[in-house]
Structure formats: structure tokens, C-alpha cells
C-alpha atoms as a PDB file:
ATOM      1  CA  UNK A   1      77.051 129.580 107.370  1.00  0.00           C
ATOM      2  CA  UNK A   2      77.623 125.932 106.470  1.00  0.00           C
ATOM      3  CA  UNK A   3      76.355 124.513 103.191  1.00  0.00           C
ATOM      4  CA  UNK A   4      76.150 120.932 101.964  1.00  0.00           C
ATOM      5  CA  UNK A   5      76.046 120.641  98.185  1.00  0.00           C
ATOM      6  CA  UNK A   6      75.037 117.339  96.620  1.00  0.00           C
ATOM      7  CA  UNK A   7      75.470 115.973  93.126  1.00  0.00           C
ATOM      8  CA  UNK A   8      75.139 112.743  91.205  1.00  0.00           C
ATOM      9  CA  UNK A   9      71.507 111.717  91.308  1.00  0.00           C
ATOM     10  CA  UNK A  10      69.544 110.616  88.275  1.00  0.00           C
ATOM     11  CA  UNK A  11      67.686 107.826  86.523  1.00  0.00           C
ATOM     12  CA  UNK A  12      69.210 104.368  86.325  1.00  0.00           C
ATOM     13  CA  UNK A  13      67.983 100.918  85.388  1.00  0.00           C
ATOM     14  CA  UNK A  14      67.721  98.150  87.972  1.00  0.00           C
ATOM     15  CA  UNK A  15      71.135  96.604  88.529  1.00  0.00           C
ATOM     16  CA  UNK A  16      72.886  99.812  87.564  1.00  0.00           C
ATOM     17  CA  UNK A  17      75.139 102.107  89.550  1.00  0.00           C
ATOM     18  CA  UNK A  18      75.254 105.733  90.622  1.00  0.00           C
ATOM     19  CA  UNK A  19      77.689 107.760  92.665  1.00  0.00           C
ATOM     20  CA  UNK A  20      76.521 110.602  94.894  1.00  0.00           C
ATOM     21  CA  UNK A  21      78.831 113.322  96.172  1.00  0.00           C
ATOM     22  CA  UNK A  22      78.362 115.837  98.947  1.00  0.00           C
ATOM     23  CA  UNK A  23      80.743 118.673  99.756  1.00  0.00           C
ATOM     24  CA  UNK A  24      80.507 120.799 102.875  1.00  0.00           C
ATOM     25  CA  UNK A  25      81.691 124.389 102.838  1.00  0.00           C
ATOM     26  CA  UNK A  26      81.661 127.410 105.128  1.00  0.00           C
ATOM     27  CA  UNK A  27      83.126 128.251 108.507  1.00  0.00           C
ATOM     28  CA  UNK A  28      83.803 124.631 109.469  1.00  0.00           C
ATOM     29  CA  UNK A  29      86.100 123.682 112.314  1.00  0.00           C
ATOM     30  CA  UNK A  30      85.392 119.954 112.186  1.00  0.00           C
ATOM     31  CA  UNK A  31      82.757 117.480 111.021  1.00  0.00           C
ATOM     32  CA  UNK A  32      81.940 114.524 113.263  1.00  0.00           C
ATOM     33  CA  UNK A  33      79.543 112.438 111.193  1.00  0.00           C
ATOM     34  CA  UNK A  34      78.751 112.844 107.532  1.00  0.00           C
ATOM     35  CA  UNK A  35      76.500 110.686 105.440  1.00  0.00           C
ATOM     36  CA  UNK A  36      73.284 110.119 103.537  1.00  0.00           C
ATOM     37  CA  UNK A  37      69.612 109.706 104.346  1.00  0.00           C
ATOM     38  CA  UNK A  38      66.744 109.076 101.951  1.00  0.00           C
ATOM     39  CA  UNK A  39      63.046 109.759 101.877  1.00  0.00           C
ATOM     40  CA  UNK A  40      60.070 108.676  99.791  1.00  0.00           C
ATOM     41  CA  UNK A  41      56.724 110.467  99.849  1.00  0.00           C
ATOM     42  CA  UNK A  42      54.646 109.534 102.859  1.00  0.00           C
ATOM     43  CA  UNK A  43      57.510 107.949 104.771  1.00  0.00           C
ATOM     44  CA  UNK A  44      60.040 109.136 107.320  1.00  0.00           C
ATOM     45  CA  UNK A  45      63.528 110.024 106.285  1.00  0.00           C
ATOM     46  CA  UNK A  46      65.789 107.043 106.917  1.00  0.00           C
ATOM     47  CA  UNK A  47      69.504 106.555 107.332  1.00  0.00           C
ATOM     48  CA  UNK A  48      71.334 105.075 104.357  1.00  0.00           C
ATOM     49  CA  UNK A  49      74.935 105.323 105.551  1.00  0.00           C
ATOM     50  CA  UNK A  50      77.116 107.582 107.686  1.00  0.00           C
ATOM     51  CA  UNK A  51      80.752 107.714 108.656  1.00  0.00           C
ATOM     52  CA  UNK A  52      82.440 109.343 111.633  1.00  0.00           C
ATOM     53  CA  UNK A  53      85.612 111.364 111.375  1.00  0.00           C
ATOM     54  CA  UNK A  54      87.383 108.365 112.898  1.00  0.00           C
ATOM     55  CA  UNK A  55      86.184 106.094 110.103  1.00  0.00           C
ATOM     56  CA  UNK A  56      83.375 104.174 111.793  1.00  0.00           C
ATOM     57  CA  UNK A  57      80.705 103.472 109.172  1.00  0.00           C
ATOM     58  CA  UNK A  58      77.085 102.533 109.674  1.00  0.00           C
ATOM     59  CA  UNK A  59      74.886 101.172 106.886  1.00  0.00           C
ATOM     60  CA  UNK A  60      71.181 100.457 106.697  1.00  0.00           C
ATOM     61  CA  UNK A  61      70.584  96.719 106.419  1.00  0.00           C
ATOM     62  CA  UNK A  62      68.839  97.230 103.098  1.00  0.00           C
ATOM     63  CA  UNK A  63      71.983  98.620 101.425  1.00  0.00           C
ATOM     64  CA  UNK A  64      74.733  96.523 103.015  1.00  0.00           C
ATOM     65  CA  UNK A  65      76.879  94.861 100.377  1.00  0.00           C
ATOM     66  CA  UNK A  66      75.591  97.162  97.634  1.00  0.00           C
ATOM     67  CA  UNK A  67      76.433 100.703  98.784  1.00  0.00           C
ATOM     68  CA  UNK A  68      79.819 102.011  99.875  1.00  0.00           C
ATOM     69  CA  UNK A  69      80.350 105.269 101.724  1.00  0.00           C
ATOM     70  CA  UNK A  70      83.723 106.958 101.563  1.00  0.00           C
ATOM     71  CA  UNK A  71      84.861 110.200 103.081  1.00  0.00           C
ATOM     72  CA  UNK A  72      87.644 112.666 102.373  1.00  0.00           C
ATOM     73  CA  UNK A  73      88.116 114.564 105.615  1.00  0.00           C
ATOM     74  CA  UNK A  74      90.554 117.038 104.057  1.00  0.00           C
ATOM     75  CA  UNK A  75      87.923 118.047 101.488  1.00  0.00           C
ATOM     76  CA  UNK A  76      84.902 117.767 103.820  1.00  0.00           C
ATOM     77  CA  UNK A  77      83.342 115.509 101.210  1.00  0.00           C
ATOM     78  CA  UNK A  78      81.526 112.189 101.240  1.00  0.00           C
ATOM     79  CA  UNK A  79      80.802 109.858  98.361  1.00  0.00           C
ATOM     80  CA  UNK A  80      78.117 107.191  98.167  1.00  0.00           C
ATOM     81  CA  UNK A  81      78.800 104.516  95.583  1.00  0.00           C
ATOM     82  CA  UNK A  82      75.545 102.702  94.896  1.00  0.00           C
ATOM     83  CA  UNK A  83      75.748  99.414  93.000  1.00  0.00           C
ATOM     84  CA  UNK A  84      73.131  96.848  92.049  1.00  0.00           C
ATOM     85  CA  UNK A  85      70.410  99.436  92.468  1.00  0.00           C
ATOM     86  CA  UNK A  86      66.852  98.262  93.012  1.00  0.00           C
ATOM     87  CA  UNK A  87      63.523 100.003  92.385  1.00  0.00           C
ATOM     88  CA  UNK A  88      63.052 100.257  96.155  1.00  0.00           C
ATOM     89  CA  UNK A  89      66.149 102.473  96.310  1.00  0.00           C
ATOM     90  CA  UNK A  90      64.155 105.176  94.518  1.00  0.00           C
ATOM     91  CA  UNK A  91      64.012 108.211  96.799  1.00  0.00           C
ATOM     92  CA  UNK A  92      65.300 111.698  97.394  1.00  0.00           C
ATOM     93  CA  UNK A  93      68.743 111.356  98.942  1.00  0.00           C
ATOM     94  CA  UNK A  94      69.862 113.965 101.453  1.00  0.00           C
ATOM     95  CA  UNK A  95      73.378 114.607 102.652  1.00  0.00           C
ATOM     96  CA  UNK A  96      73.741 115.220 106.387  1.00  0.00           C
ATOM     97  CA  UNK A  97      76.584 116.447 108.514  1.00  0.00           C
ATOM     98  CA  UNK A  98      77.137 117.012 112.226  1.00  0.00           C
ATOM     99  CA  UNK A  99      79.338 120.093 112.012  1.00  0.00           C
ATOM    100  CA  UNK A 100      81.220 122.233 114.498  1.00  0.00           C
ATOM    101  CA  UNK A 101      81.363 125.716 113.042  1.00  0.00           C
ATOM    102  CA  UNK A 102      81.712 129.233 114.385  1.00  0.00           C
ATOM    103  CA  UNK A 103      78.084 128.810 115.526  1.00  0.00           C
ATOM    104  CA  UNK A 104      78.831 125.691 117.581  1.00  0.00           C
ATOM    105  CA  UNK A 105      77.570 122.155 116.906  1.00  0.00           C
ATOM    106  CA  UNK A 106      74.690 121.773 114.465  1.00  0.00           C
ATOM    107  CA  UNK A 107      73.273 119.268 112.011  1.00  0.00           C
ATOM    108  CA  UNK A 108      73.068 120.453 108.433  1.00  0.00           C
ATOM    109  CA  UNK A 109      71.197 119.058 105.439  1.00  0.00           C
ATOM    110  CA  UNK A 110      71.742 119.305 101.726  1.00  0.00           C
ATOM    111  CA  UNK A 111      68.956 120.225  99.338  1.00  0.00           C
ATOM    112  CA  UNK A 112      68.379 116.633  98.241  1.00  0.00           C
ATOM    113  CA  UNK A 113      69.012 114.790  94.996  1.00  0.00           C
ATOM    114  CA  UNK A 114      66.552 112.465  93.276  1.00  0.00           C
ATOM    115  CA  UNK A 115      67.534 108.881  92.577  1.00  0.00           C
ATOM    116  CA  UNK A 116      65.129 106.910  90.403  1.00  0.00           C
ATOM    117  CA  UNK A 117      65.643 103.237  89.656  1.00  0.00           C
ATOM    118  CA  UNK A 118      63.355 102.108  86.880  1.00  0.00           C
ATOM    119  CA  UNK A 119      63.373 100.182  83.632  1.00  0.00           C
END
């Protein structure tokens, strides 16, 4: 079974920074895309950023220039560096991976980590 384990959420003031990490483990053959989504109560989960195994990165317009997604393919880990955080970035952030394991291709989610931007 594949697991995605997140860390790094918390409370930060507007203009501050946080770094989220997500490590995938289990019977993994390869991971195609890996990245982060976020969700606030009453709204759909939305893409924040994702990166393919070949290095192609997609960002939501709302985070371009402020967030940076990096990926260590050897460690099956992604990092989301979030700078100049705004109150509207407050959400539960979920790691996501499109993984080829001994069960075939599947999308997996982490348990979520809360990010709160408030003074």
C-alpha cells in the first residue's frame, strides 16, 4: 500500500513563509505527478502546484511568484515553499501523487495539513 505523509503546516502571519513536505512510501515503481491541492470549507479542492517526473511544473495563478514546488525523485518527496503568504492561502493542504505501484496506476492523497495565515 502507498502512503503519502505530509508535514510542515501551521500558523503564520501575513507575509510570512512556510515549507510543506510530502514523502511517498510503499510498493512504488514510479510516480508520474506529485504535488499539492488545498481546500477550504464549502469549496472544492483546488490545485496549488504539481510537478511531473520530467520536471514540468504547473502552478495555480493565485500562487505564481510566491510558491515554489520542488521534487526529489530519488526520495519520492515533494516540497512546497510558500512565501509572502496571504490570509486567502488559509486552507487544508493535501499532497497528491499519481503512482504506479504493485496495484497498478492510482492517485493517492495525504491526510492533509492545516495552513493558517492570520495576524
